[in-house]
Amino acid sequence: MIPKVESVYNNTFIVNINNTELFYYSYNTCVGYRNVKYNIEIQINKFFSKTTSKHLSKMEIGHFTPIDEEEFKLVIRKCQSNTY
C-alpha cells in the first residue's frame, strides 16, 4: 500500500494510507489524524501560529477532537498496531 500525498494549500499536506488512515500536516508537523476503521478524528490541542491555524481551516479538521500531543501519538500507535 503506497500512501498518497495531497497538497491542500501552501505547506499543507494530507497523507492518505489506503483511504483508511489520513495524517494532516502543516509544514513538517502532524497536526491531525483520521482513522476510518476506528471512527477517530483527532487533532493536537495546542496554540498554533496564525499560519498553522489557517492550515487547519483549509484542511477542514477544525471539528476533530482536540487532545494533548502525547495522547495524540499514543492513539495513532494503538490504531496502527490494531490495539485500539
Protein backbone atom coordinates (compact mmCIF):
# COMPACT_ATOMS: atom_id res chain seq x y z
CA MET A 1 0.00 0.00 0.00
CA ILE A 2 1.59 3.21 -1.20
CA PRO A 3 0.49 6.37 0.61
CA LYS A 4 -0.99 9.20 -1.43
CA VAL A 5 0.18 12.69 -0.60
CA GLU A 6 -2.22 15.50 -1.38
CA SER A 7 -1.17 19.13 -1.25
CA VAL A 8 -4.11 21.08 0.17
CA TYR A 9 -2.56 24.53 0.43
CA ASN A 10 0.91 26.06 0.74
CA ASN A 11 2.93 23.80 3.09
CA THR A 12 -0.20 21.82 3.96
CA PHE A 13 -0.49 18.12 3.12
CA ILE A 14 -2.67 15.09 3.74
CA VAL A 15 -1.01 11.68 3.69
CA ASN A 16 -3.66 9.11 2.83
CA ILE A 17 -2.91 5.45 3.50
CA ASN A 18 -5.34 3.13 1.75
CA ASN A 19 -8.26 5.52 2.40
CA THR A 20 -8.22 4.24 5.99
CA GLU A 21 -5.68 6.44 7.75
CA LEU A 22 -5.18 10.11 6.99
CA PHE A 23 -2.42 12.22 8.51
CA TYR A 24 -2.80 16.01 8.28
CA TYR A 25 0.41 18.04 8.12
CA SER A 26 1.21 21.70 8.47
CA TYR A 27 4.80 22.09 7.34
CA ASN A 28 6.54 19.05 8.91
CA THR A 29 4.19 18.73 11.88
CA CYS A 30 1.39 16.19 12.01
CA VAL A 31 -1.50 18.21 13.45
CA GLY A 32 -4.43 15.90 12.73
CA TYR A 33 -5.28 12.25 12.30
CA ARG A 34 -8.29 10.38 10.97
CA ASN A 35 -8.83 6.63 11.13
CA VAL A 36 -11.88 5.38 9.26
CA LYS A 37 -11.77 1.86 10.75
CA TYR A 38 -11.97 3.13 14.34
CA ASN A 39 -14.02 6.27 13.55
CA ILE A 40 -11.35 8.55 15.05
CA GLU A 41 -10.82 12.21 14.15
CA ILE A 42 -8.30 13.95 16.41
CA GLN A 43 -6.07 16.99 16.35
CA ILE A 44 -3.32 18.21 18.63
CA ASN A 45 -4.67 20.59 21.26
CA LYS A 46 -2.18 23.42 21.45
CA PHE A 47 -1.79 27.02 20.45
CA PHE A 48 -0.78 27.28 16.82
CA SER A 49 0.55 30.21 14.87
CA LYS A 50 -1.80 32.19 12.68
CA THR A 51 -0.46 30.34 9.62
CA THR A 52 -0.91 26.86 11.10
CA SER A 53 -4.41 27.81 12.28
CA LYS A 54 -5.17 28.80 8.69
CA HIS A 55 -3.84 25.41 7.55
CA LEU A 56 -6.18 23.60 9.96
CA SER A 57 -9.07 25.52 8.45
CA LYS A 58 -8.00 24.73 4.87
CA MET A 59 -7.77 21.02 5.72
CA GLU A 60 -11.25 21.21 7.32
CA ILE A 61 -10.23 19.48 10.55
CA GLY A 62 -11.47 22.11 12.98
CA HIS A 63 -14.22 19.75 14.15
CA PHE A 64 -11.72 16.99 15.04
CA THR A 65 -11.49 16.24 18.77
CA PRO A 66 -8.56 18.15 20.32
CA ILE A 67 -6.27 16.07 22.55
CA ASP A 68 -2.83 16.66 24.04
CA GLU A 69 0.21 15.76 21.99
CA GLU A 70 1.27 12.67 23.96
CA GLU A 71 -2.22 11.17 23.81
CA PHE A 72 -2.36 12.05 20.10
CA LYS A 73 0.78 9.98 19.45
CA LEU A 74 -0.49 7.13 21.64
CA VAL A 75 -3.81 6.88 19.80
CA ILE A 76 -2.00 6.70 16.45
CA ARG A 77 0.34 3.96 17.71
CA LYS A 78 -2.60 1.95 19.07
CA CYS A 79 -4.53 2.25 15.81
CA GLN A 80 -1.53 1.16 13.77
CA SER A 81 -0.90 -1.86 15.97
CA ASN A 82 -4.62 -2.77 16.00
CA THR A 83 -4.78 -2.49 19.77
CA TYR A 84 -7.22 0.41 19.94
